[in-house]
Structure formats: structure tokens, C-alpha cells
Amino acid sequence: MTIGFNESVAIIAVTGAVTIAVRALPFILFGRHKEMPKSIDYLGKILPPAIIATLVVYCLKGIDFTSTGAFVPELVSAALVAILHVWKRNILLSMAGGTVLYMFLVQVVFA
């Protein structure tokens, strides 16, 4: 089944409208208030670490401890991501460093 031109335009238009609506929603809800409600401040502080913790669990849930080559690359790379992030506070550097190390370990060291 192929998607025609009209369907493609409709998909792009709906996606664009939803993106704009989601980004405009905080301004619509809170207007010109200088202070955010306490509940929103709380969510802004608690959600990023909760999301990161969920991603870590998701990424490491399938580790196989039956052989060294199965779990060492994941754990060492995850440790490098944490170290780089604590040291430099740069998400791109942390993700890139962990990915490069993981690929090196999987393809060269534990191949």
C-alpha cells in the first residue's frame, strides 16, 4: 500500500499543527504570568530524572550475564555515559561517547 500525495500533505499538515499546538499550549494556559504554578515547577524538576531513569532501565533490561561479551560493553558504556555527563554536563557528548565506546567494544574487543 502506497501513500499518495494528498495523504502525505495531510499527514505533514496534521503533524505540524499538533507540534505548534503542543508548543503553544503553555503560553495559552499560563499567559503572561511571571510565576509558574508550583505543580508545574515540581513536574519540571522531577520528570527529567524520572525519564532518564526509565530510559536506563529500558536500555539495560535485556542484559545477558551468561558471557562477558554479552554484558561488559553495555555496562562499561553506560558507566562512561554517566561519567561524561557528570563531568561535562553535555548530553550530546555523553551519548556520542557511550555509543562510540559501545560500538568499539562490540565490534573490535568482543567480536
PDB file of N, CA and C in Angstrom:
ATOM      1  N   MET A   1       0.845  -1.178   0.000  1.00  0.00           N
ATOM      2  CA  MET A   1       0.000   0.000   0.000  1.00  0.00           C
ATOM      3  C   MET A   1       0.887   1.238   0.000  1.00  0.00           C
ATOM      4  N   THR A   2       0.664   2.119  -0.934  1.00  0.00           N
ATOM      5  CA  THR A   2       1.442   3.356  -1.003  1.00  0.00           C
ATOM      6  C   THR A   2       0.573   4.536  -0.604  1.00  0.00           C
ATOM      7  N   ILE A   3       1.239   5.528  -0.085  1.00  0.00           N
ATOM      8  CA  ILE A   3       0.543   6.751   0.321  1.00  0.00           C
ATOM      9  C   ILE A   3       0.663   7.754  -0.812  1.00  0.00           C
ATOM     10  N   GLY A   4      -0.459   8.322  -1.201  1.00  0.00           N
ATOM     11  CA  GLY A   4      -0.469   9.295  -2.283  1.00  0.00           C
ATOM     12  C   GLY A   4      -0.031  10.676  -1.809  1.00  0.00           C
ATOM     13  N   PHE A   5       0.047  11.579  -2.775  1.00  0.00           N
ATOM     14  CA  PHE A   5       0.491  12.943  -2.492  1.00  0.00           C
ATOM     15  C   PHE A   5      -0.429  13.638  -1.492  1.00  0.00           C
ATOM     16  N   ASN A   6      -1.739  13.529  -1.704  1.00  0.00           N
ATOM     17  CA  ASN A   6      -2.691  14.205  -0.823  1.00  0.00           C
ATOM     18  C   ASN A   6      -2.594  13.688   0.618  1.00  0.00           C
ATOM     19  N   GLU A   7      -2.430  12.374   0.769  1.00  0.00           N
ATOM     20  CA  GLU A   7      -2.291  11.803   2.101  1.00  0.00           C
ATOM     21  C   GLU A   7      -1.006  12.282   2.769  1.00  0.00           C
ATOM     22  N   SER A   8       0.065  12.377   2.005  1.00  0.00           N
ATOM     23  CA  SER A   8       1.340  12.860   2.545  1.00  0.00           C
ATOM     24  C   SER A   8       1.221  14.304   3.033  1.00  0.00           C
ATOM     25  N   VAL A   9       0.565  15.137   2.231  1.00  0.00           N
ATOM     26  CA  VAL A   9       0.365  16.538   2.616  1.00  0.00           C
ATOM     27  C   VAL A   9      -0.491  16.613   3.874  1.00  0.00           C
ATOM     28  N   ALA A  10      -1.528  15.792   3.955  1.00  0.00           N
ATOM     29  CA  ALA A  10      -2.398  15.782   5.136  1.00  0.00           C
ATOM     30  C   ALA A  10      -1.627  15.351   6.382  1.00  0.00           C
ATOM     31  N   ILE A  11      -0.806  14.334   6.255  1.00  0.00           N
ATOM     32  CA  ILE A  11      -0.007  13.863   7.391  1.00  0.00           C
ATOM     33  C   ILE A  11       0.940  14.955   7.867  1.00  0.00           C
ATOM     34  N   ILE A  12       1.612  15.614   6.942  1.00  0.00           N
ATOM     35  CA  ILE A  12       2.549  16.684   7.306  1.00  0.00           C
ATOM     36  C   ILE A  12       1.800  17.850   7.945  1.00  0.00           C
ATOM     37  N   ALA A  13       0.636  18.192   7.410  1.00  0.00           N
ATOM     38  CA  ALA A  13      -0.148  19.310   7.962  1.00  0.00           C
ATOM     39  C   ALA A  13      -0.625  19.010   9.378  1.00  0.00           C
ATOM     40  N   VAL A  14      -1.131  17.802   9.608  1.00  0.00           N
ATOM     41  CA  VAL A  14      -1.600  17.435  10.947  1.00  0.00           C
ATOM     42  C   VAL A  14      -0.430  17.390  11.926  1.00  0.00           C
ATOM     43  N   THR A  15       0.672  16.825  11.508  1.00  0.00           N
ATOM     44  CA  THR A  15       1.855  16.768  12.373  1.00  0.00           C
ATOM     45  C   THR A  15       2.330  18.166  12.725  1.00  0.00           C
ATOM     46  N   GLY A  16       2.376  19.059  11.756  1.00  0.00           N
ATOM     47  CA  GLY A  16       2.783  20.438  12.014  1.00  0.00           C
ATOM     48  C   GLY A  16       1.826  21.151  12.952  1.00  0.00           C
ATOM     49  N   ALA A  17       0.524  20.956  12.737  1.00  0.00           N
ATOM     50  CA  ALA A  17      -0.476  21.607  13.596  1.00  0.00           C
ATOM     51  C   ALA A  17      -0.381  21.111  15.032  1.00  0.00           C
ATOM     52  N   VAL A  18      -0.202  19.819  15.213  1.00  0.00           N
ATOM     53  CA  VAL A  18      -0.075  19.259  16.566  1.00  0.00           C
ATOM     54  C   VAL A  18       1.195  19.767  17.230  1.00  0.00           C
ATOM     55  N   THR A  19       2.294  19.832  16.497  1.00  0.00           N
ATOM     56  CA  THR A  19       3.554  20.341  17.057  1.00  0.00           C
ATOM     57  C   THR A  19       3.402  21.787  17.511  1.00  0.00           C
ATOM     58  N   ILE A  20       2.809  22.612  16.681  1.00  0.00           N
ATOM     59  CA  ILE A  20       2.600  24.021  17.046  1.00  0.00           C
ATOM     60  C   ILE A  20       1.670  24.128  18.252  1.00  0.00           C
ATOM     61  N   ALA A  21       0.600  23.338  18.271  1.00  0.00           N
ATOM     62  CA  ALA A  21      -0.344  23.377  19.390  1.00  0.00           C
ATOM     63  C   ALA A  21       0.325  22.981  20.696  1.00  0.00           C
ATOM     64  N   VAL A  22       1.122  21.934  20.659  1.00  0.00           N
ATOM     65  CA  VAL A  22       1.796  21.472  21.883  1.00  0.00           C
ATOM     66  C   VAL A  22       2.791  22.521  22.380  1.00  0.00           C
ATOM     67  N   ARG A  23       3.488  23.158  21.482  1.00  0.00           N
ATOM     68  CA  ARG A  23       4.450  24.188  21.901  1.00  0.00           C
ATOM     69  C   ARG A  23       3.775  25.467  22.355  1.00  0.00           C
ATOM     70  N   ALA A  24       2.604  25.769  21.819  1.00  0.00           N
ATOM     71  CA  ALA A  24       1.890  26.984  22.204  1.00  0.00           C
ATOM     72  C   ALA A  24       1.048  26.799  23.461  1.00  0.00           C
ATOM     73  N   LEU A  25       0.736  25.568  23.812  1.00  0.00           N
ATOM     74  CA  LEU A  25      -0.143  25.285  24.941  1.00  0.00           C
ATOM     75  C   LEU A  25       0.292  25.938  26.252  1.00  0.00           C
ATOM     76  N   PRO A  26       1.566  25.886  26.652  1.00  0.00           N
ATOM     77  CA  PRO A  26       1.946  26.546  27.909  1.00  0.00           C
ATOM     78  C   PRO A  26       1.672  28.049  27.885  1.00  0.00           C
ATOM     79  N   PHE A  27       1.890  28.693  26.759  1.00  0.00           N
ATOM     80  CA  PHE A  27       1.642  30.131  26.655  1.00  0.00           C
ATOM     81  C   PHE A  27       0.146  30.427  26.711  1.00  0.00           C
ATOM     82  N   ILE A  28      -0.641  29.552  26.120  1.00  0.00           N
ATOM     83  CA  ILE A  28      -2.086  29.733  26.154  1.00  0.00           C
ATOM     84  C   ILE A  28      -2.613  29.525  27.573  1.00  0.00           C
ATOM     85  N   LEU A  29      -2.110  28.483  28.250  1.00  0.00           N
ATOM     86  CA  LEU A  29      -2.602  28.170  29.596  1.00  0.00           C
ATOM     87  C   LEU A  29      -2.169  29.191  30.641  1.00  0.00           C
ATOM     88  N   PHE A  30      -0.906  29.614  30.567  1.00  0.00           N
ATOM     89  CA  PHE A  30      -0.365  30.448  31.635  1.00  0.00           C
ATOM     90  C   PHE A  30      -0.258  31.914  31.256  1.00  0.00           C
ATOM     91  N   GLY A  31      -0.471  32.229  30.005  1.00  0.00           N
ATOM     92  CA  GLY A  31      -0.482  33.623  29.573  1.00  0.00           C
ATOM     93  C   GLY A  31       0.758  34.379  29.980  1.00  0.00           C
ATOM     94  N   ARG A  32       0.535  35.534  30.578  1.00  0.00           N
ATOM     95  CA  ARG A  32       1.660  36.408  30.933  1.00  0.00           C
ATOM     96  C   ARG A  32       2.059  36.273  32.394  1.00  0.00           C
ATOM     97  N   HIS A  33       1.630  35.218  33.039  1.00  0.00           N
ATOM     98  CA  HIS A  33       2.013  35.032  34.440  1.00  0.00           C
ATOM     99  C   HIS A  33       3.525  34.879  34.528  1.00  0.00           C
ATOM    100  N   LYS A  34       4.102  35.571  35.453  1.00  0.00           N
ATOM    101  CA  LYS A  34       5.561  35.504  35.595  1.00  0.00           C
ATOM    102  C   LYS A  34       5.977  34.260  36.363  1.00  0.00           C
ATOM    103  N   GLU A  35       5.107  33.808  37.261  1.00  0.00           N
ATOM    104  CA  GLU A  35       5.428  32.615  38.046  1.00  0.00           C
ATOM    105  C   GLU A  35       4.586  31.445  37.581  1.00  0.00           C
ATOM    106  N   MET A  36       5.235  30.314  37.467  1.00  0.00           N
ATOM    107  CA  MET A  36       4.518  29.103  37.107  1.00  0.00           C
ATOM    108  C   MET A  36       3.876  28.529  38.362  1.00  0.00           C
ATOM    109  N   PRO A  37       2.785  27.804  38.207  1.00  0.00           N
ATOM    110  CA  PRO A  37       2.197  27.132  39.367  1.00  0.00           C
ATOM    111  C   PRO A  37       3.196  26.146  39.982  1.00  0.00           C
ATOM    112  N   LYS A  38       3.071  25.937  41.270  1.00  0.00           N
ATOM    113  CA  LYS A  38       4.010  25.054  41.972  1.00  0.00           C
ATOM    114  C   LYS A  38       3.994  23.637  41.408  1.00  0.00           C
ATOM    115  N   SER A  39       2.834  23.172  40.975  1.00  0.00           N
ATOM    116  CA  SER A  39       2.757  21.817  40.425  1.00  0.00           C
ATOM    117  C   SER A  39       3.568  21.700  39.130  1.00  0.00           C
ATOM    118  N   ILE A  40       3.561  22.730  38.316  1.00  0.00           N
ATOM    119  CA  ILE A  40       4.328  22.711  37.070  1.00  0.00           C
ATOM    120  C   ILE A  40       5.823  22.789  37.375  1.00  0.00           C
ATOM    121  N   ASP A  41       6.207  23.610  38.334  1.00  0.00           N
ATOM    122  CA  ASP A  41       7.615  23.664  38.751  1.00  0.00           C
ATOM    123  C   ASP A  41       8.082  22.303  39.256  1.00  0.00           C
ATOM    124  N   TYR A  42       7.225  21.660  40.046  1.00  0.00           N
ATOM    125  CA  TYR A  42       7.564  20.342  40.581  1.00  0.00           C
ATOM    126  C   TYR A  42       7.765  19.339  39.443  1.00  0.00           C
ATOM    127  N   LEU A  43       6.835  19.320  38.493  1.00  0.00           N
ATOM    128  CA  LEU A  43       6.970  18.405  37.364  1.00  0.00           C
ATOM    129  C   LEU A  43       8.217  18.705  36.542  1.00  0.00           C
ATOM    130  N   GLY A  44       8.550  19.982  36.394  1.00  0.00           N
ATOM    131  CA  GLY A  44       9.755  20.358  35.655  1.00  0.00           C
ATOM    132  C   GLY A  44      11.031  19.881  36.331  1.00  0.00           C
ATOM    133  N   LYS A  45      10.984  19.734  37.639  1.00  0.00           N
ATOM    134  CA  LYS A  45      12.171  19.254  38.370  1.00  0.00           C
ATOM    135  C   LYS A  45      12.232  17.737  38.443  1.00  0.00           C
ATOM    136  N   ILE A  46      11.092  17.079  38.563  1.00  0.00           N
ATOM    137  CA  ILE A  46      11.081  15.640  38.801  1.00  0.00           C
ATOM    138  C   ILE A  46      11.033  14.805  37.519  1.00  0.00           C
ATOM    139  N   LEU A  47      10.420  15.304  36.453  1.00  0.00           N
ATOM    140  CA  LEU A  47      10.264  14.496  35.252  1.00  0.00           C
ATOM    141  C   LEU A  47      11.561  14.183  34.504  1.00  0.00           C
ATOM    142  N   PRO A  48      12.476  15.133  34.298  1.00  0.00           N
ATOM    143  CA  PRO A  48      13.697  14.758  33.566  1.00  0.00           C
ATOM    144  C   PRO A  48      14.474  13.601  34.203  1.00  0.00           C
ATOM    145  N   PRO A  49      14.750  13.611  35.523  1.00  0.00           N
ATOM    146  CA  PRO A  49      15.435  12.447  36.095  1.00  0.00           C
ATOM    147  C   PRO A  49      14.607  11.166  36.002  1.00  0.00           C
ATOM    148  N   ALA A  50      13.288  11.283  36.129  1.00  0.00           N
ATOM    149  CA  ALA A  50      12.441  10.094  36.030  1.00  0.00           C
ATOM    150  C   ALA A  50      12.487   9.506  34.623  1.00  0.00           C
ATOM    151  N   ILE A  51      12.488  10.366  33.619  1.00  0.00           N
ATOM    152  CA  ILE A  51      12.556   9.889  32.235  1.00  0.00           C
ATOM    153  C   ILE A  51      13.911   9.241  31.969  1.00  0.00           C
ATOM    154  N   ILE A  52      14.979   9.847  32.447  1.00  0.00           N
ATOM    155  CA  ILE A  52      16.309   9.273  32.261  1.00  0.00           C
ATOM    156  C   ILE A  52      16.403   7.913  32.948  1.00  0.00           C
ATOM    157  N   ALA A  53      15.880   7.804  34.164  1.00  0.00           N
ATOM    158  CA  ALA A  53      15.901   6.521  34.877  1.00  0.00           C
ATOM    159  C   ALA A  53      15.118   5.460  34.105  1.00  0.00           C
ATOM    160  N   THR A  54      13.988   5.843  33.550  1.00  0.00           N
ATOM    161  CA  THR A  54      13.194   4.906  32.753  1.00  0.00           C
ATOM    162  C   THR A  54      13.959   4.449  31.522  1.00  0.00           C
ATOM    163  N   LEU A  55      14.645   5.377  30.861  1.00  0.00           N
ATOM    164  CA  LEU A  55      15.436   5.014  29.676  1.00  0.00           C
ATOM    165  C   LEU A  55      16.596   4.096  30.031  1.00  0.00           C
ATOM    166  N   VAL A  56      17.238   4.336  31.161  1.00  0.00           N
ATOM    167  CA  VAL A  56      18.350   3.475  31.588  1.00  0.00           C
ATOM    168  C   VAL A  56      17.839   2.061  31.837  1.00  0.00           C
ATOM    169  N   VAL A  57      16.730   1.945  32.550  1.00  0.00           N
ATOM    170  CA  VAL A  57      16.159   0.623  32.815  1.00  0.00           C
ATOM    171  C   VAL A  57      15.775  -0.056  31.504  1.00  0.00           C
ATOM    172  N   TYR A  58      15.169   0.686  30.602  1.00  0.00           N
ATOM    173  CA  TYR A  58      14.760   0.119  29.314  1.00  0.00           C
ATOM    174  C   TYR A  58      15.978  -0.366  28.517  1.00  0.00           C
ATOM    175  N   CYS A  59      17.051   0.425  28.518  1.00  0.00           N
ATOM    176  CA  CYS A  59      18.240   0.063  27.742  1.00  0.00           C
ATOM    177  C   CYS A  59      18.984  -1.124  28.339  1.00  0.00           C
ATOM    178  N   LEU A  60      18.958  -1.260  29.642  1.00  0.00           N
ATOM    179  CA  LEU A  60      19.750  -2.304  30.289  1.00  0.00           C
ATOM    180  C   LEU A  60      18.921  -3.511  30.712  1.00  0.00           C
ATOM    181  N   LYS A  61      17.628  -3.548  30.416  1.00  0.00           N
ATOM    182  CA  LYS A  61      16.770  -4.627  30.892  1.00  0.00           C
ATOM    183  C   LYS A  61      17.081  -5.980  30.251  1.00  0.00           C
ATOM    184  N   GLY A  62      17.614  -5.973  29.067  1.00  0.00           N
ATOM    185  CA  GLY A  62      17.842  -7.228  28.363  1.00  0.00           C
ATOM    186  C   GLY A  62      19.267  -7.740  28.438  1.00  0.00           C
ATOM    187  N   ILE A  63      20.024  -7.295  29.416  1.00  0.00           N
ATOM    188  CA  ILE A  63      21.424  -7.723  29.510  1.00  0.00           C
ATOM    189  C   ILE A  63      21.489  -9.211  29.807  1.00  0.00           C
ATOM    190  N   ASP A  64      22.360  -9.875  29.072  1.00  0.00           N
ATOM    191  CA  ASP A  64      22.570 -11.310  29.239  1.00  0.00           C
ATOM    192  C   ASP A  64      23.887 -11.511  29.982  1.00  0.00           C
ATOM    193  N   PHE A  65      23.820 -12.070  31.181  1.00  0.00           N
ATOM    194  CA  PHE A  65      25.022 -12.245  32.004  1.00  0.00           C
ATOM    195  C   PHE A  65      25.681 -13.610  31.813  1.00  0.00           C
ATOM    196  N   THR A  66      25.354 -14.310  30.733  1.00  0.00           N
ATOM    197  CA  THR A  66      25.923 -15.647  30.524  1.00  0.00           C
ATOM    198  C   THR A  66      27.364 -15.610  30.026  1.00  0.00           C
ATOM    199  N   SER A  67      27.744 -14.548  29.342  1.00  0.00           N
ATOM    200  CA  SER A  67      29.132 -14.435  28.887  1.00  0.00           C
ATOM    201  C   SER A  67      29.602 -12.995  29.024  1.00  0.00           C
ATOM    202  N   THR A  68      30.911 -12.823  29.165  1.00  0.00           N
ATOM    203  CA  THR A  68      31.483 -11.495  29.367  1.00  0.00           C
ATOM    204  C   THR A  68      31.170 -10.556  28.205  1.00  0.00           C
ATOM    205  N   GLY A  69      31.255 -11.066  26.997  1.00  0.00           N
ATOM    206  CA  GLY A  69      30.998 -10.236  25.824  1.00  0.00           C
ATOM    207  C   GLY A  69      29.555  -9.784  25.701  1.00  0.00           C
ATOM    208  N   ALA A  70      28.677 -10.404  26.484  1.00  0.00           N
ATOM    209  CA  ALA A  70      27.262 -10.055  26.395  1.00  0.00           C
ATOM    210  C   ALA A  70      26.886  -8.892  27.296  1.00  0.00           C
ATOM    211  N   PHE A  71      27.594  -8.683  28.402  1.00  0.00           N
ATOM    212  CA  PHE A  71      27.177  -7.623  29.331  1.00  0.00           C
ATOM    213  C   PHE A  71      28.220  -6.535  29.567  1.00  0.00           C
ATOM    214  N   VAL A  72      29.478  -6.824  29.364  1.00  0.00           N
ATOM    215  CA  VAL A  72      30.513  -5.819  29.631  1.00  0.00           C
ATOM    216  C   VAL A  72      30.366  -4.581  28.752  1.00  0.00           C
ATOM    217  N   PRO A  73      30.146  -4.715  27.427  1.00  0.00           N
ATOM    218  CA  PRO A  73      30.007  -3.499  26.617  1.00  0.00           C
ATOM    219  C   PRO A  73      28.878  -2.585  27.090  1.00  0.00           C
ATOM    220  N   GLU A  74      27.736  -3.159  27.452  1.00  0.00           N
ATOM    221  CA  GLU A  74      26.606  -2.346  27.901  1.00  0.00           C
ATOM    222  C   GLU A  74      26.921  -1.618  29.203  1.00  0.00           C
ATOM    223  N   LEU A  75      27.458  -2.355  30.163  1.00  0.00           N
ATOM    224  CA  LEU A  75      27.722  -1.742  31.469  1.00  0.00           C
ATOM    225  C   LEU A  75      28.847  -0.717  31.412  1.00  0.00           C
ATOM    226  N   VAL A  76      29.908  -1.019  30.681  1.00  0.00           N
ATOM    227  CA  VAL A  76      31.028  -0.073  30.569  1.00  0.00           C
ATOM    228  C   VAL A  76      30.587   1.188  29.829  1.00  0.00           C
ATOM    229  N   SER A  77      29.816   1.018  28.771  1.00  0.00           N
ATOM    230  CA  SER A  77      29.330   2.177  28.009  1.00  0.00           C
ATOM    231  C   SER A  77      28.361   3.019  28.833  1.00  0.00           C
ATOM    232  N   ALA A  78      27.488   2.374  29.580  1.00  0.00           N
ATOM    233  CA  ALA A  78      26.562   3.116  30.444  1.00  0.00           C
ATOM    234  C   ALA A  78      27.339   3.888  31.512  1.00  0.00           C
ATOM    235  N   ALA A  79      28.378   3.274  32.056  1.00  0.00           N
ATOM    236  CA  ALA A  79      29.203   3.966  33.047  1.00  0.00           C
ATOM    237  C   ALA A  79      29.901   5.174  32.421  1.00  0.00           C
ATOM    238  N   LEU A  80      30.397   5.021  31.199  1.00  0.00           N
ATOM    239  CA  LEU A  80      31.047   6.149  30.523  1.00  0.00           C
ATOM    240  C   LEU A  80      30.052   7.292  30.291  1.00  0.00           C
ATOM    241  N   VAL A  81      28.829   6.955  29.890  1.00  0.00           N
ATOM    242  CA  VAL A  81      27.809   7.992  29.681  1.00  0.00           C
ATOM    243  C   VAL A  81      27.583   8.762  30.980  1.00  0.00           C
ATOM    244  N   ALA A  82      27.459   8.042  32.083  1.00  0.00           N
ATOM    245  CA  ALA A  82      27.232   8.700  33.377  1.00  0.00           C
ATOM    246  C   ALA A  82      28.424   9.570  33.769  1.00  0.00           C
ATOM    247  N   ILE A  83      29.617   9.052  33.602  1.00  0.00           N
ATOM    248  CA  ILE A  83      30.831   9.810  33.961  1.00  0.00           C
ATOM    249  C   ILE A  83      30.958  11.064  33.110  1.00  0.00           C
ATOM    250  N   LEU A  84      30.782  10.926  31.800  1.00  0.00           N
ATOM    251  CA  LEU A  84      30.887  12.084  30.916  1.00  0.00           C
ATOM    252  C   LEU A  84      29.827  13.125  31.237  1.00  0.00           C
ATOM    253  N   HIS A  85      28.625  12.659  31.567  1.00  0.00           N
ATOM    254  CA  HIS A  85      27.571  13.630  31.851  1.00  0.00           C
ATOM    255  C   HIS A  85      27.832  14.369  33.170  1.00  0.00           C
ATOM    256  N   VAL A  86      28.280  13.659  34.172  1.00  0.00           N
ATOM    257  CA  VAL A  86      28.582  14.322  35.446  1.00  0.00           C
ATOM    258  C   VAL A  86      29.756  15.291  35.268  1.00  0.00           C
ATOM    259  N   TRP A  87      30.731  14.880  34.458  1.00  0.00           N
ATOM    260  CA  TRP A  87      31.933  15.697  34.278  1.00  0.00           C
ATOM    261  C   TRP A  87      31.671  16.923  33.420  1.00  0.00           C
ATOM    262  N   LYS A  88      31.058  16.747  32.246  1.00  0.00           N
ATOM    263  CA  LYS A  88      30.921  17.835  31.271  1.00  0.00           C
ATOM    264  C   LYS A  88      29.516  18.430  31.179  1.00  0.00           C
ATOM    265  N   ARG A  89      28.508  17.734  31.677  1.00  0.00           N
ATOM    266  CA  ARG A  89      27.113  18.208  31.590  1.00  0.00           C
ATOM    267  C   ARG A  89      26.705  18.507  30.148  1.00  0.00           C
ATOM    268  N   ASN A  90      27.115  17.642  29.236  1.00  0.00           N
ATOM    269  CA  ASN A  90      26.816  17.805  27.819  1.00  0.00           C
ATOM    270  C   ASN A  90      26.161  16.516  27.324  1.00  0.00           C
ATOM    271  N   ILE A  91      24.884  16.579  27.042  1.00  0.00           N
ATOM    272  CA  ILE A  91      24.136  15.383  26.664  1.00  0.00           C
ATOM    273  C   ILE A  91      24.670  14.785  25.364  1.00  0.00           C
ATOM    274  N   LEU A  92      24.961  15.635  24.387  1.00  0.00           N
ATOM    275  CA  LEU A  92      25.461  15.138  23.108  1.00  0.00           C
ATOM    276  C   LEU A  92      26.788  14.414  23.280  1.00  0.00           C
ATOM    277  N   LEU A  93      27.695  14.987  24.050  1.00  0.00           N
ATOM    278  CA  LEU A  93      28.981  14.344  24.309  1.00  0.00           C
ATOM    279  C   LEU A  93      28.789  13.018  25.036  1.00  0.00           C
ATOM    280  N   SER A  94      27.914  12.992  26.006  1.00  0.00           N
ATOM    281  CA  SER A  94      27.670  11.768  26.769  1.00  0.00           C
ATOM    282  C   SER A  94      27.123  10.655  25.880  1.00  0.00           C
ATOM    283  N   MET A  95      26.109  10.981  25.074  1.00  0.00           N
ATOM    284  CA  MET A  95      25.519   9.968  24.206  1.00  0.00           C
ATOM    285  C   MET A  95      26.495   9.509  23.131  1.00  0.00           C
ATOM    286  N   ALA A  96      27.201  10.450  22.532  1.00  0.00           N
ATOM    287  CA  ALA A  96      28.144  10.095  21.474  1.00  0.00           C
ATOM    288  C   ALA A  96      29.291   9.255  22.039  1.00  0.00           C
ATOM    289  N   GLY A  97      29.812   9.654  23.184  1.00  0.00           N
ATOM    290  CA  GLY A  97      30.909   8.900  23.800  1.00  0.00           C
ATOM    291  C   GLY A  97      30.499   7.483  24.147  1.00  0.00           C
ATOM    292  N   GLY A  98      29.322   7.328  24.740  1.00  0.00           N
ATOM    293  CA  GLY A  98      28.833   5.992  25.083  1.00  0.00           C
ATOM    294  C   GLY A  98      28.574   5.139  23.857  1.00  0.00           C
ATOM    295  N   THR A  99      28.017   5.744  22.813  1.00  0.00           N
ATOM    296  CA  THR A  99      27.731   4.999  21.587  1.00  0.00           C
ATOM    297  C   THR A  99      29.009   4.555  20.905  1.00  0.00           C
ATOM    298  N   VAL A 100      29.979   5.457  20.801  1.00  0.00           N
ATOM    299  CA  VAL A 100      31.254   5.110  20.162  1.00  0.00           C
ATOM    300  C   VAL A 100      31.956   4.008  20.939  1.00  0.00           C
ATOM    301  N   LEU A 101      32.001   4.126  22.259  1.00  0.00           N
ATOM    302  CA  LEU A 101      32.649   3.087  23.066  1.00  0.00           C
ATOM    303  C   LEU A 101      31.926   1.758  22.922  1.00  0.00           C
ATOM    304  N   TYR A 102      30.597   1.778  22.964  1.00  0.00           N
ATOM    305  CA  TYR A 102      29.824   0.537  22.827  1.00  0.00           C
ATOM    306  C   TYR A 102      30.116  -0.140  21.482  1.00  0.00           C
ATOM    307  N   MET A 103      30.070   0.638  20.405  1.00  0.00           N
ATOM    308  CA  MET A 103      30.327   0.058  19.086  1.00  0.00           C
ATOM    309  C   MET A 103      31.753  -0.483  18.972  1.00  0.00           C
ATOM    310  N   PHE A 104      32.701   0.230  19.557  1.00  0.00           N
ATOM    311  CA  PHE A 104      34.082  -0.255  19.549  1.00  0.00           C
ATOM    312  C   PHE A 104      34.202  -1.563  20.315  1.00  0.00           C
ATOM    313  N   LEU A 105      33.612  -1.614  21.484  1.00  0.00           N
ATOM    314  CA  LEU A 105      33.706  -2.832  22.290  1.00  0.00           C
ATOM    315  C   LEU A 105      33.011  -4.011  21.616  1.00  0.00           C
ATOM    316  N   VAL A 106      31.864  -3.785  21.023  1.00  0.00           N
ATOM    317  CA  VAL A 106      31.114  -4.863  20.389  1.00  0.00           C
ATOM    318  C   VAL A 106      31.792  -5.337  19.118  1.00  0.00           C
ATOM    319  N   GLN A 107      32.330  -4.413  18.315  1.00  0.00           N
ATOM    320  CA  GLN A 107      32.866  -4.790  17.013  1.00  0.00           C
ATOM    321  C   GLN A 107      34.346  -5.125  17.020  1.00  0.00           C
ATOM    322  N   VAL A 108      35.100  -4.624  17.999  1.00  0.00           N
ATOM    323  CA  VAL A 108      36.541  -4.859  17.987  1.00  0.00           C
ATOM    324  C   VAL A 108      36.970  -5.734  19.152  1.00  0.00           C
ATOM    325  N   VAL A 109      36.636  -5.347  20.352  1.00  0.00           N
ATOM    326  CA  VAL A 109      37.144  -6.041  21.531  1.00  0.00           C
ATOM    327  C   VAL A 109      36.442  -7.392  21.744  1.00  0.00           C
ATOM    328  N   PHE A 110      35.113  -7.414  21.687  1.00  0.00           N
ATOM    329  CA  PHE A 110      34.366  -8.630  21.970  1.00  0.00           C
ATOM    330  C   PHE A 110      33.793  -9.276  20.716  1.00  0.00           C
ATOM    331  N   ALA A 111      34.400  -9.024  19.568  1.00  0.00           N
ATOM    332  CA  ALA A 111      33.891  -9.587  18.305  1.00  0.00           C
ATOM    333  C   ALA A 111      34.170 -11.060  18.191  1.00  0.00           C
TER     334      ALA A 111
END
